[in-house]
């Protein structure tokens, strides 16, 4: 059995019930989770687990081929088969969602208006950067890009998530905006994040529902 990744289906889920599938030291794997394990430059989530009057802080999250593992701080971890309640640090997660979506708008503007591919990037709550392959970059060009990004954010464009078979996904033009294709070979279904009328990318992270939520 694998962990059902609720964050990949609906980024707005803040808490959920789950059953412990495995325990290794202070890490527990759950049958389903809203905790994002990190990837694509987006940090992992934090939050809490609760069960039978006990409380644990979730300080780290990681994913392997089968499970999403939650690193716990507090009492002895729950047992296999035990029901738990997971709750995200929503303020932190929502800020990361806004940040990640903002970087997609920036990536879209860079690609559309300047033909610039992304060569790297990273983010933390409320802050992020992208590295572009772009010629003759100047402070004036940076300000022009910022202005265009803010214009796109103000358009209140819907941001949607869906899945496509790998072969079908890679028939879409300009799906990969990074310099190299980061989708692992073994992935048979590709998760797509689309900003209506602006951008469509393969992506595994969490996002807001429309660009207006990003804010200024």
N, C-alpha and C. Protein backbone atom coordinates (compact mmCIF):
# COMPACT_ATOMS: atom_id res chain seq x y z
N UNK A 1 0.84 -1.20 0.00
CA UNK A 1 0.00 0.00 0.00
C UNK A 1 0.87 1.24 0.00
N UNK A 2 0.50 2.24 -0.78
CA UNK A 2 1.23 3.49 -0.83
C UNK A 2 0.47 4.59 -0.10
N UNK A 3 1.20 5.63 0.30
CA UNK A 3 0.55 6.79 0.89
C UNK A 3 -0.22 7.55 -0.18
N UNK A 4 -1.48 7.86 0.10
CA UNK A 4 -2.28 8.70 -0.80
C UNK A 4 -1.88 10.15 -0.55
N UNK A 5 -1.43 10.83 -1.58
CA UNK A 5 -0.90 12.18 -1.44
C UNK A 5 -2.00 13.21 -1.69
N UNK A 6 -2.68 13.58 -0.63
CA UNK A 6 -3.80 14.52 -0.74
C UNK A 6 -3.35 15.88 -1.25
N UNK A 7 -2.12 16.29 -0.89
CA UNK A 7 -1.62 17.59 -1.31
C UNK A 7 -1.52 17.70 -2.83
N UNK A 8 -1.33 16.57 -3.50
CA UNK A 8 -1.20 16.58 -4.97
C UNK A 8 -2.55 16.74 -5.65
N UNK A 9 -3.61 16.38 -4.94
CA UNK A 9 -4.96 16.45 -5.49
C UNK A 9 -5.62 17.78 -5.17
N UNK A 10 -5.44 18.24 -3.93
CA UNK A 10 -6.10 19.46 -3.46
C UNK A 10 -5.20 20.16 -2.45
N UNK A 11 -4.56 21.23 -2.89
CA UNK A 11 -3.62 21.95 -2.02
C UNK A 11 -4.31 22.69 -0.88
N UNK A 12 -5.64 22.81 -0.92
CA UNK A 12 -6.35 23.56 0.11
C UNK A 12 -6.66 22.73 1.35
N UNK A 13 -6.39 21.42 1.31
CA UNK A 13 -6.65 20.56 2.48
C UNK A 13 -5.67 20.91 3.59
N UNK A 14 -6.21 21.30 4.73
CA UNK A 14 -5.37 21.75 5.85
C UNK A 14 -5.14 20.66 6.89
N UNK A 15 -6.06 19.71 7.00
CA UNK A 15 -5.96 18.66 8.01
C UNK A 15 -6.69 17.42 7.52
N UNK A 16 -6.33 16.29 8.09
CA UNK A 16 -6.97 15.04 7.66
C UNK A 16 -6.72 13.95 8.69
N UNK A 17 -7.57 12.94 8.66
CA UNK A 17 -7.36 11.75 9.47
C UNK A 17 -6.55 10.75 8.66
N UNK A 18 -5.84 9.88 9.34
CA UNK A 18 -5.00 8.90 8.65
C UNK A 18 -4.73 7.72 9.58
N UNK A 19 -4.23 6.65 8.99
CA UNK A 19 -3.83 5.46 9.74
C UNK A 19 -2.34 5.25 9.55
N UNK A 20 -1.66 4.93 10.64
CA UNK A 20 -0.21 4.69 10.58
C UNK A 20 0.06 3.36 9.87
N UNK A 21 0.88 3.40 8.82
CA UNK A 21 1.23 2.20 8.07
C UNK A 21 2.57 1.61 8.49
N UNK A 22 3.50 2.46 8.91
CA UNK A 22 4.84 1.98 9.27
C UNK A 22 5.48 2.99 10.22
N UNK A 23 6.39 2.49 11.04
CA UNK A 23 7.13 3.32 11.98
C UNK A 23 8.60 2.95 11.89
N UNK A 24 9.46 3.96 11.76
CA UNK A 24 10.91 3.76 11.79
C UNK A 24 11.51 4.86 12.67
N UNK A 25 11.94 4.48 13.87
CA UNK A 25 12.48 5.49 14.79
C UNK A 25 11.42 6.52 15.12
N UNK A 26 11.73 7.78 14.86
CA UNK A 26 10.76 8.85 15.13
C UNK A 26 10.01 9.28 13.87
N UNK A 27 10.02 8.42 12.84
CA UNK A 27 9.30 8.70 11.61
C UNK A 27 8.10 7.76 11.48
N UNK A 28 6.98 8.30 10.99
CA UNK A 28 5.81 7.47 10.73
C UNK A 28 5.34 7.69 9.30
N UNK A 29 4.89 6.61 8.68
CA UNK A 29 4.28 6.67 7.35
C UNK A 29 2.78 6.48 7.52
N UNK A 30 2.01 7.29 6.79
CA UNK A 30 0.55 7.27 6.90
C UNK A 30 -0.08 6.78 5.61
N UNK A 31 -1.35 6.30 5.73
CA UNK A 31 -2.03 5.82 4.53
C UNK A 31 -2.44 6.97 3.61
N UNK A 32 -2.61 8.18 4.16
CA UNK A 32 -2.84 9.37 3.36
C UNK A 32 -2.36 10.58 4.14
N UNK A 33 -2.01 11.64 3.41
CA UNK A 33 -1.46 12.80 4.10
C UNK A 33 -1.66 14.07 3.28
N UNK A 34 -1.81 15.18 4.00
CA UNK A 34 -1.85 16.50 3.38
C UNK A 34 -0.48 17.17 3.43
N UNK A 35 0.49 16.55 4.10
CA UNK A 35 1.82 17.14 4.27
C UNK A 35 2.65 16.97 3.00
N UNK A 36 3.09 18.09 2.43
CA UNK A 36 3.94 18.04 1.24
C UNK A 36 5.37 17.70 1.66
N UNK A 37 6.01 16.72 1.01
CA UNK A 37 7.34 16.28 1.43
C UNK A 37 8.49 17.11 0.89
N UNK A 38 8.19 18.14 0.13
CA UNK A 38 9.24 18.97 -0.45
C UNK A 38 9.62 18.49 -1.83
N UNK A 39 10.12 19.40 -2.63
CA UNK A 39 10.56 19.07 -3.98
C UNK A 39 10.31 20.23 -4.92
N UNK A 40 11.11 20.29 -5.99
CA UNK A 40 10.97 21.36 -6.96
C UNK A 40 11.29 22.72 -6.39
N UNK A 41 12.11 22.76 -5.35
CA UNK A 41 12.46 24.02 -4.72
C UNK A 41 11.55 24.40 -3.57
N UNK A 42 10.41 23.72 -3.43
CA UNK A 42 9.48 24.04 -2.34
C UNK A 42 9.82 23.21 -1.11
N UNK A 43 9.98 23.85 0.06
CA UNK A 43 10.29 23.10 1.28
C UNK A 43 9.14 22.21 1.73
N UNK A 44 9.47 21.24 2.58
CA UNK A 44 8.44 20.36 3.14
C UNK A 44 7.56 21.14 4.11
N UNK A 45 6.37 20.58 4.34
CA UNK A 45 5.45 21.17 5.31
C UNK A 45 5.86 20.84 6.74
N UNK A 46 5.29 21.57 7.67
CA UNK A 46 5.38 21.28 9.10
C UNK A 46 3.97 21.34 9.67
N UNK A 47 3.82 20.89 10.92
CA UNK A 47 2.50 20.91 11.54
C UNK A 47 2.47 19.99 12.74
N UNK A 48 1.34 19.30 12.94
CA UNK A 48 1.18 18.43 14.10
C UNK A 48 0.42 17.16 13.74
N UNK A 49 0.65 16.12 14.52
CA UNK A 49 -0.18 14.92 14.54
C UNK A 49 -0.75 14.77 15.95
N UNK A 50 -1.98 14.27 16.03
CA UNK A 50 -2.62 14.03 17.31
C UNK A 50 -3.29 12.67 17.29
N UNK A 51 -3.29 12.01 18.45
CA UNK A 51 -3.98 10.72 18.58
C UNK A 51 -4.14 10.38 20.05
N UNK A 52 -5.36 10.05 20.45
CA UNK A 52 -5.63 9.55 21.80
C UNK A 52 -5.02 10.45 22.88
N UNK A 53 -5.18 11.76 22.71
CA UNK A 53 -4.70 12.70 23.71
C UNK A 53 -3.22 13.03 23.61
N UNK A 54 -2.50 12.38 22.70
CA UNK A 54 -1.09 12.69 22.51
C UNK A 54 -0.90 13.65 21.35
N UNK A 55 0.23 14.35 21.38
CA UNK A 55 0.49 15.41 20.41
C UNK A 55 1.95 15.33 19.98
N UNK A 56 2.18 15.41 18.67
CA UNK A 56 3.53 15.42 18.13
C UNK A 56 3.69 16.59 17.15
N UNK A 57 4.83 17.23 17.19
CA UNK A 57 5.16 18.21 16.16
C UNK A 57 5.76 17.48 14.96
N UNK A 58 5.28 17.81 13.77
CA UNK A 58 5.86 17.28 12.53
C UNK A 58 6.93 18.27 12.08
N UNK A 59 8.19 17.87 12.20
CA UNK A 59 9.30 18.78 11.93
C UNK A 59 9.92 18.60 10.56
N UNK A 60 9.67 17.46 9.92
CA UNK A 60 10.21 17.20 8.58
C UNK A 60 9.31 16.18 7.90
N UNK A 61 9.32 16.19 6.58
CA UNK A 61 8.53 15.26 5.78
C UNK A 61 9.36 14.86 4.58
N UNK A 62 9.34 13.56 4.24
CA UNK A 62 10.06 13.09 3.06
C UNK A 62 9.24 11.99 2.39
N UNK A 63 9.56 11.75 1.15
CA UNK A 63 8.83 10.74 0.37
C UNK A 63 9.80 9.75 -0.24
N UNK A 64 9.48 8.46 -0.15
CA UNK A 64 10.24 7.46 -0.89
C UNK A 64 9.33 6.84 -1.94
N UNK A 65 9.71 5.70 -2.48
CA UNK A 65 8.93 5.11 -3.57
C UNK A 65 7.55 4.63 -3.12
N UNK A 66 7.38 4.44 -1.82
CA UNK A 66 6.12 3.88 -1.32
C UNK A 66 5.37 4.81 -0.38
N UNK A 67 6.09 5.42 0.56
CA UNK A 67 5.44 6.15 1.64
C UNK A 67 5.86 7.62 1.68
N UNK A 68 5.01 8.42 2.34
CA UNK A 68 5.41 9.75 2.81
C UNK A 68 5.69 9.62 4.31
N UNK A 69 6.91 9.96 4.72
CA UNK A 69 7.35 9.80 6.10
C UNK A 69 7.31 11.15 6.82
N UNK A 70 6.81 11.12 8.06
CA UNK A 70 6.66 12.32 8.88
C UNK A 70 7.57 12.18 10.09
N UNK A 71 8.51 13.09 10.24
CA UNK A 71 9.41 13.09 11.39
C UNK A 71 8.71 13.77 12.56
N UNK A 72 8.64 13.06 13.69
CA UNK A 72 7.88 13.54 14.85
C UNK A 72 8.80 13.95 15.99
N UNK A 73 8.35 14.96 16.70
CA UNK A 73 9.03 15.45 17.89
C UNK A 73 8.02 15.44 19.03
N UNK A 74 8.37 14.78 20.13
CA UNK A 74 7.44 14.71 21.25
C UNK A 74 7.48 13.35 21.90
N UNK A 75 6.32 12.80 22.20
CA UNK A 75 6.22 11.50 22.87
C UNK A 75 6.63 10.38 21.92
N UNK A 76 6.59 9.14 22.44
CA UNK A 76 6.84 7.98 21.59
C UNK A 76 5.86 8.02 20.41
N UNK A 77 6.33 7.68 19.21
CA UNK A 77 5.45 7.78 18.04
C UNK A 77 4.26 6.83 18.14
N UNK A 78 3.19 7.11 17.41
CA UNK A 78 2.04 6.22 17.40
C UNK A 78 2.40 4.87 16.80
N UNK A 79 1.56 3.89 17.02
CA UNK A 79 1.83 2.53 16.57
C UNK A 79 1.20 2.26 15.21
N UNK A 80 1.71 1.24 14.55
CA UNK A 80 1.12 0.81 13.27
C UNK A 80 -0.35 0.45 13.50
N UNK A 81 -1.21 0.95 12.65
CA UNK A 81 -2.64 0.71 12.76
C UNK A 81 -3.39 1.77 13.54
N UNK A 82 -2.67 2.63 14.24
CA UNK A 82 -3.32 3.66 15.05
C UNK A 82 -3.84 4.79 14.17
N UNK A 83 -5.00 5.32 14.53
CA UNK A 83 -5.58 6.46 13.82
C UNK A 83 -4.96 7.75 14.37
N UNK A 84 -4.64 8.67 13.47
CA UNK A 84 -4.08 9.96 13.88
C UNK A 84 -4.79 11.07 13.12
N UNK A 85 -4.62 12.28 13.62
CA UNK A 85 -5.17 13.46 12.96
C UNK A 85 -4.01 14.40 12.66
N UNK A 86 -3.82 14.71 11.38
CA UNK A 86 -2.74 15.58 10.95
C UNK A 86 -3.24 16.98 10.66
N UNK A 87 -2.49 17.97 11.10
CA UNK A 87 -2.88 19.37 10.88
C UNK A 87 -1.64 20.16 10.42
N UNK A 88 -1.76 20.81 9.27
CA UNK A 88 -0.65 21.59 8.75
C UNK A 88 -0.47 22.89 9.52
N UNK A 89 0.76 23.40 9.53
CA UNK A 89 1.00 24.80 9.86
C UNK A 89 0.53 25.59 8.65
N UNK A 90 -0.75 25.96 8.67
CA UNK A 90 -1.37 26.50 7.46
C UNK A 90 -0.82 27.87 7.07
N UNK A 91 -0.51 28.69 8.03
CA UNK A 91 0.04 30.01 7.70
C UNK A 91 1.32 29.86 6.87
N UNK A 92 2.18 28.95 7.30
CA UNK A 92 3.43 28.71 6.57
C UNK A 92 3.15 28.08 5.20
N UNK A 93 2.29 27.07 5.16
CA UNK A 93 1.99 26.38 3.91
C UNK A 93 1.36 27.34 2.90
N UNK A 94 0.38 28.14 3.35
CA UNK A 94 -0.31 29.03 2.42
C UNK A 94 0.66 30.07 1.86
N UNK A 95 1.60 30.53 2.66
CA UNK A 95 2.60 31.47 2.17
C UNK A 95 3.49 30.80 1.12
N UNK A 96 3.82 29.53 1.34
CA UNK A 96 4.59 28.79 0.34
C UNK A 96 3.79 28.59 -0.94
N UNK A 97 2.49 28.35 -0.82
CA UNK A 97 1.65 28.22 -2.01
C UNK A 97 1.64 29.51 -2.81
N UNK A 98 1.47 30.63 -2.13
CA UNK A 98 1.49 31.93 -2.82
C UNK A 98 2.84 32.17 -3.49
N UNK A 99 3.91 31.82 -2.77
CA UNK A 99 5.25 32.02 -3.32
C UNK A 99 5.47 31.16 -4.55
N UNK A 100 5.07 29.88 -4.47
CA UNK A 100 5.28 28.97 -5.60
C UNK A 100 4.49 29.42 -6.82
N UNK A 101 3.24 29.83 -6.62
CA UNK A 101 2.44 30.30 -7.74
C UNK A 101 3.02 31.57 -8.35
N UNK A 102 3.55 32.45 -7.50
CA UNK A 102 4.19 33.67 -8.01
C UNK A 102 5.38 33.34 -8.90
N UNK A 103 6.15 32.33 -8.51
CA UNK A 103 7.30 31.93 -9.32
C UNK A 103 6.86 31.36 -10.67
N UNK A 104 5.71 30.69 -10.70
CA UNK A 104 5.20 30.20 -11.99
C UNK A 104 4.80 31.36 -12.89
N UNK A 105 4.22 32.41 -12.32
CA UNK A 105 3.89 33.59 -13.12
C UNK A 105 5.17 34.21 -13.66
N UNK A 106 6.18 34.33 -12.82
CA UNK A 106 7.47 34.88 -13.26
C UNK A 106 8.07 34.02 -14.36
N UNK A 107 8.04 32.71 -14.19
CA UNK A 107 8.56 31.80 -15.20
C UNK A 107 7.83 31.97 -16.52
N UNK A 108 6.50 32.12 -16.44
CA UNK A 108 5.69 32.27 -17.65
C UNK A 108 6.02 33.56 -18.39
N UNK A 109 6.16 34.65 -17.65
CA UNK A 109 6.51 35.93 -18.27
C UNK A 109 7.90 35.85 -18.89
N UNK A 110 8.84 35.24 -18.18
CA UNK A 110 10.19 35.11 -18.72
C UNK A 110 10.23 34.32 -20.01
N UNK A 111 9.44 33.25 -20.05
CA UNK A 111 9.43 32.39 -21.24
C UNK A 111 8.68 33.05 -22.39
N UNK A 112 7.51 33.61 -22.09
CA UNK A 112 6.66 34.20 -23.13
C UNK A 112 7.29 35.43 -23.77
N UNK A 113 7.82 36.32 -22.96
CA UNK A 113 8.26 37.63 -23.46
C UNK A 113 9.74 37.70 -23.78
N UNK A 114 10.53 36.77 -23.23
CA UNK A 114 11.97 36.86 -23.41
C UNK A 114 12.59 35.55 -23.88
N UNK A 115 11.78 34.50 -24.04
CA UNK A 115 12.30 33.21 -24.47
C UNK A 115 13.27 32.61 -23.48
N UNK A 116 13.12 32.95 -22.20
CA UNK A 116 14.09 32.56 -21.18
C UNK A 116 13.67 31.27 -20.48
N UNK A 117 14.53 30.26 -20.50
CA UNK A 117 14.30 29.02 -19.76
C UNK A 117 14.82 29.18 -18.33
N UNK A 118 14.22 28.45 -17.41
CA UNK A 118 14.65 28.47 -16.01
C UNK A 118 15.76 27.45 -15.82
N UNK A 119 16.86 27.86 -15.22
CA UNK A 119 17.99 26.97 -14.97
C UNK A 119 18.13 26.58 -13.51
N UNK A 120 17.38 27.22 -12.63
CA UNK A 120 17.44 26.90 -11.21
C UNK A 120 16.49 27.77 -10.43
N UNK A 121 16.33 27.45 -9.16
CA UNK A 121 15.44 28.25 -8.33
C UNK A 121 15.28 27.64 -6.96
N UNK A 122 14.70 28.43 -6.07
CA UNK A 122 14.44 27.97 -4.71
C UNK A 122 13.42 28.88 -4.08
N UNK A 123 12.88 28.46 -2.94
CA UNK A 123 11.91 29.31 -2.26
C UNK A 123 11.88 29.00 -0.78
N UNK A 124 11.43 29.98 -0.02
CA UNK A 124 11.08 29.84 1.38
C UNK A 124 9.77 30.60 1.55
N UNK A 125 9.10 30.50 2.70
CA UNK A 125 7.82 31.19 2.83
C UNK A 125 7.94 32.69 2.56
N UNK A 126 7.29 33.16 1.52
CA UNK A 126 7.28 34.58 1.19
C UNK A 126 8.44 35.07 0.38
N UNK A 127 9.39 34.20 0.08
CA UNK A 127 10.57 34.60 -0.70
C UNK A 127 10.91 33.50 -1.70
N UNK A 128 11.46 33.89 -2.84
CA UNK A 128 11.88 32.90 -3.82
C UNK A 128 12.68 33.54 -4.92
N UNK A 129 13.37 32.72 -5.68
CA UNK A 129 14.10 33.24 -6.83
C UNK A 129 14.12 32.19 -7.94
N UNK A 130 14.25 32.67 -9.16
CA UNK A 130 14.47 31.82 -10.32
C UNK A 130 15.71 32.29 -11.04
N UNK A 131 16.47 31.35 -11.55
CA UNK A 131 17.62 31.65 -12.40
C UNK A 131 17.20 31.44 -13.85
N UNK A 132 17.40 32.45 -14.69
CA UNK A 132 17.02 32.37 -16.09
C UNK A 132 18.24 32.31 -16.99
N UNK A 133 18.09 31.60 -18.09
CA UNK A 133 19.07 31.69 -19.17
C UNK A 133 18.59 32.81 -20.09
N UNK A 134 19.17 33.98 -19.93
CA UNK A 134 18.70 35.17 -20.64
C UNK A 134 19.89 36.07 -20.97
N UNK A 135 19.87 36.63 -22.14
CA UNK A 135 20.98 37.46 -22.60
C UNK A 135 20.76 38.92 -22.19
N UNK A 136 21.86 39.60 -21.89
CA UNK A 136 21.85 41.05 -21.65
C UNK A 136 20.85 41.45 -20.56
N UNK A 137 20.92 40.75 -19.45
CA UNK A 137 20.02 41.06 -18.34
C UNK A 137 20.50 42.32 -17.64
N UNK A 138 19.59 43.24 -17.40
CA UNK A 138 19.92 44.53 -16.77
C UNK A 138 18.92 44.83 -15.66
N UNK A 139 19.25 45.76 -14.75
CA UNK A 139 18.28 46.17 -13.73
C UNK A 139 16.99 46.70 -14.35
N UNK A 140 17.10 47.36 -15.48
CA UNK A 140 15.90 47.88 -16.16
C UNK A 140 15.01 46.74 -16.64
N UNK A 141 15.63 45.69 -17.16
CA UNK A 141 14.87 44.54 -17.61
C UNK A 141 14.19 43.85 -16.42
N UNK A 142 14.90 43.78 -15.30
CA UNK A 142 14.31 43.18 -14.10
C UNK A 142 13.06 43.94 -13.68
N UNK A 143 13.11 45.26 -13.69
CA UNK A 143 11.95 46.06 -13.32
C UNK A 143 10.80 45.87 -14.31
N UNK A 144 11.14 45.73 -15.58
CA UNK A 144 10.12 45.49 -16.60
C UNK A 144 9.42 44.15 -16.35
N UNK A 145 10.20 43.13 -16.00
CA UNK A 145 9.63 41.82 -15.71
C UNK A 145 8.73 41.88 -14.48
N UNK A 146 9.15 42.59 -13.45
CA UNK A 146 8.35 42.73 -12.24
C UNK A 146 7.01 43.38 -12.56
N UNK A 147 7.04 44.42 -13.38
CA UNK A 147 5.81 45.11 -13.75
C UNK A 147 4.86 44.15 -14.48
N UNK A 148 5.40 43.38 -15.40
CA UNK A 148 4.57 42.44 -16.16
C UNK A 148 4.02 41.33 -15.26
N UNK A 149 4.83 40.86 -14.33
CA UNK A 149 4.37 39.83 -13.40
C UNK A 149 3.21 40.36 -12.56
N UNK A 150 3.34 41.58 -12.04
CA UNK A 150 2.27 42.15 -11.24
C UNK A 150 0.99 42.36 -12.05
N UNK A 151 1.14 42.69 -13.31
CA UNK A 151 -0.03 42.83 -14.19
C UNK A 151 -0.74 41.49 -14.34
N UNK A 152 0.03 40.42 -14.53
CA UNK A 152 -0.58 39.10 -14.69
C UNK A 152 -1.25 38.63 -13.40
N UNK A 153 -0.62 38.88 -12.26
CA UNK A 153 -1.20 38.49 -10.98
C UNK A 153 -2.55 39.17 -10.78
N UNK A 154 -2.66 40.43 -11.18
CA UNK A 154 -3.89 41.20 -11.00
C UNK A 154 -5.03 40.72 -11.90
N UNK A 155 -4.73 39.87 -12.88
CA UNK A 155 -5.76 39.38 -13.80
C UNK A 155 -6.68 38.34 -13.17
N UNK A 156 -6.36 37.91 -11.96
CA UNK A 156 -7.19 36.91 -11.25
C UNK A 156 -7.39 35.67 -12.12
N UNK A 157 -6.29 35.13 -12.61
CA UNK A 157 -6.34 33.93 -13.46
C UNK A 157 -6.49 32.68 -12.60
N UNK A 158 -7.37 31.79 -13.01
CA UNK A 158 -7.57 30.53 -12.29
C UNK A 158 -6.33 29.65 -12.41
N UNK A 159 -5.98 28.99 -11.31
CA UNK A 159 -4.88 28.03 -11.30
C UNK A 159 -5.47 26.65 -11.03
N UNK A 160 -5.29 25.73 -11.96
CA UNK A 160 -5.88 24.40 -11.85
C UNK A 160 -4.79 23.33 -11.89
N UNK A 161 -5.13 22.17 -11.35
CA UNK A 161 -4.21 21.03 -11.30
C UNK A 161 -4.91 19.82 -11.89
N UNK A 162 -4.22 19.09 -12.76
CA UNK A 162 -4.78 17.86 -13.32
C UNK A 162 -3.64 16.93 -13.72
N UNK A 163 -4.00 15.69 -14.04
CA UNK A 163 -3.01 14.67 -14.38
C UNK A 163 -3.24 14.17 -15.80
N UNK A 164 -2.15 13.89 -16.50
CA UNK A 164 -2.21 13.33 -17.85
C UNK A 164 -1.24 12.17 -17.96
N UNK A 165 -1.57 11.15 -18.78
CA UNK A 165 -0.59 10.10 -19.07
C UNK A 165 0.69 10.73 -19.62
N UNK A 166 1.82 10.12 -19.30
CA UNK A 166 3.10 10.71 -19.66
C UNK A 166 3.20 11.02 -21.15
N UNK A 167 2.85 10.06 -22.00
CA UNK A 167 2.97 10.28 -23.45
C UNK A 167 2.10 11.43 -23.91
N UNK A 168 0.90 11.52 -23.36
CA UNK A 168 -0.01 12.61 -23.74
C UNK A 168 0.51 13.95 -23.24
N UNK A 169 1.03 13.96 -22.01
CA UNK A 169 1.52 15.21 -21.43
C UNK A 169 2.66 15.80 -22.25
N UNK A 170 3.58 14.94 -22.69
CA UNK A 170 4.75 15.46 -23.38
C UNK A 170 4.49 15.78 -24.85
N UNK A 171 3.24 15.60 -25.28
CA UNK A 171 2.85 16.12 -26.59
C UNK A 171 2.42 17.58 -26.51
N UNK A 172 2.21 18.08 -25.29
CA UNK A 172 1.83 19.48 -25.11
C UNK A 172 3.04 20.37 -25.37
N UNK A 173 2.89 21.42 -26.16
CA UNK A 173 4.02 22.30 -26.44
C UNK A 173 4.44 23.09 -25.21
N UNK A 174 5.74 23.24 -25.03
CA UNK A 174 6.31 24.09 -23.98
C UNK A 174 5.91 23.67 -22.57
N UNK A 175 5.66 22.36 -22.36
CA UNK A 175 5.29 21.90 -21.03
C UNK A 175 6.44 22.05 -20.04
N UNK A 176 7.65 21.81 -20.50
CA UNK A 176 8.83 21.89 -19.65
C UNK A 176 9.48 23.25 -19.85
N UNK A 177 9.46 24.08 -18.80
CA UNK A 177 10.02 25.42 -18.89
C UNK A 177 11.43 25.51 -18.30
N UNK A 178 11.86 24.44 -17.66
CA UNK A 178 13.22 24.41 -17.14
C UNK A 178 14.19 24.01 -18.24
N UNK A 179 15.45 24.32 -18.03
CA UNK A 179 16.47 24.02 -19.03
C UNK A 179 16.57 22.53 -19.29
N UNK A 180 16.37 21.73 -18.24
CA UNK A 180 16.38 20.28 -18.39
C UNK A 180 15.05 19.71 -17.90
N UNK A 181 14.66 18.57 -18.42
CA UNK A 181 13.42 17.90 -18.03
C UNK A 181 13.63 17.21 -16.68
N UNK A 182 12.91 17.66 -15.65
CA UNK A 182 13.10 17.13 -14.31
C UNK A 182 12.09 16.05 -13.94
N UNK A 183 11.21 15.66 -14.87
CA UNK A 183 10.23 14.62 -14.59
C UNK A 183 10.92 13.26 -14.67
N UNK A 184 10.95 12.49 -13.56
CA UNK A 184 11.66 11.20 -13.57
C UNK A 184 11.12 10.25 -14.63
N UNK A 185 11.99 9.40 -15.15
CA UNK A 185 11.61 8.47 -16.22
C UNK A 185 10.48 7.53 -15.79
N UNK A 186 10.45 7.14 -14.52
CA UNK A 186 9.46 6.17 -14.06
C UNK A 186 8.06 6.73 -13.85
N UNK A 187 7.90 8.03 -13.97
CA UNK A 187 6.58 8.65 -13.75
C UNK A 187 5.69 8.38 -14.95
N UNK A 188 4.56 7.70 -14.72
CA UNK A 188 3.65 7.36 -15.82
C UNK A 188 2.53 8.37 -15.98
N UNK A 189 2.20 9.09 -14.90
CA UNK A 189 1.22 10.17 -14.96
C UNK A 189 1.89 11.46 -14.54
N UNK A 190 1.71 12.49 -15.35
CA UNK A 190 2.36 13.77 -15.09
C UNK A 190 1.34 14.75 -14.51
N UNK A 191 1.71 15.36 -13.40
CA UNK A 191 0.84 16.36 -12.77
C UNK A 191 1.09 17.71 -13.45
N UNK A 192 0.01 18.33 -13.90
CA UNK A 192 0.08 19.59 -14.62
C UNK A 192 -0.51 20.69 -13.75
N UNK A 193 0.20 21.81 -13.66
CA UNK A 193 -0.33 23.02 -13.03
C UNK A 193 -0.52 24.06 -14.12
N UNK A 194 -1.76 24.52 -14.28
CA UNK A 194 -2.07 25.45 -15.37
C UNK A 194 -2.63 26.76 -14.82
N UNK A 195 -2.05 27.86 -15.27
CA UNK A 195 -2.57 29.20 -14.99
C UNK A 195 -3.31 29.63 -16.24
N UNK A 196 -4.62 29.79 -16.12
CA UNK A 196 -5.48 30.00 -17.29
C UNK A 196 -4.98 31.15 -18.17
N UNK A 197 -4.78 30.84 -19.44
CA UNK A 197 -4.39 31.85 -20.40
C UNK A 197 -2.96 32.31 -20.31
N UNK A 198 -2.16 31.69 -19.44
CA UNK A 198 -0.79 32.17 -19.24
C UNK A 198 0.25 31.07 -19.24
N UNK A 199 0.00 29.97 -18.55
CA UNK A 199 1.10 29.04 -18.29
C UNK A 199 0.56 27.63 -18.06
N UNK A 200 1.37 26.65 -18.44
CA UNK A 200 1.06 25.24 -18.20
C UNK A 200 2.38 24.51 -18.04
N UNK A 201 2.59 23.92 -16.85
CA UNK A 201 3.87 23.27 -16.56
C UNK A 201 3.65 21.96 -15.81
N UNK A 202 4.60 21.03 -16.01
CA UNK A 202 4.68 19.85 -15.15
C UNK A 202 5.22 20.30 -13.80
N UNK A 203 4.52 19.93 -12.73
CA UNK A 203 4.91 20.45 -11.42
C UNK A 203 4.31 19.57 -10.32
N UNK A 204 5.05 19.41 -9.23
CA UNK A 204 4.57 18.57 -8.13
C UNK A 204 4.18 19.32 -6.88
N UNK A 205 4.35 20.66 -6.87
CA UNK A 205 4.16 21.43 -5.66
C UNK A 205 2.74 21.89 -5.41
N UNK A 206 2.57 22.70 -4.37
CA UNK A 206 1.26 23.19 -3.96
C UNK A 206 1.07 24.64 -4.41
N UNK A 207 -0.18 24.98 -4.76
CA UNK A 207 -0.47 26.29 -5.34
C UNK A 207 -1.80 26.83 -4.85
N UNK A 208 -1.96 28.15 -4.96
CA UNK A 208 -3.23 28.79 -4.67
C UNK A 208 -4.20 28.55 -5.82
N UNK A 209 -5.47 28.95 -5.65
CA UNK A 209 -6.49 28.67 -6.64
C UNK A 209 -6.61 29.69 -7.75
N UNK A 210 -6.05 30.89 -7.54
CA UNK A 210 -6.06 31.91 -8.58
C UNK A 210 -4.94 32.90 -8.29
N UNK A 211 -4.54 33.65 -9.31
CA UNK A 211 -3.38 34.52 -9.16
C UNK A 211 -3.63 35.66 -8.18
N UNK A 212 -4.88 36.08 -8.02
CA UNK A 212 -5.17 37.18 -7.10
C UNK A 212 -4.78 36.83 -5.67
N UNK A 213 -4.83 35.54 -5.32
CA UNK A 213 -4.44 35.11 -3.98
C UNK A 213 -2.96 35.34 -3.71
N UNK A 214 -2.17 35.43 -4.76
CA UNK A 214 -0.73 35.65 -4.58
C UNK A 214 -0.48 36.96 -3.85
N UNK A 215 -1.24 38.01 -4.21
CA UNK A 215 -1.06 39.32 -3.61
C UNK A 215 0.10 40.06 -4.24
N UNK A 216 0.38 41.23 -3.69
CA UNK A 216 1.44 42.08 -4.25
C UNK A 216 2.79 41.69 -3.67
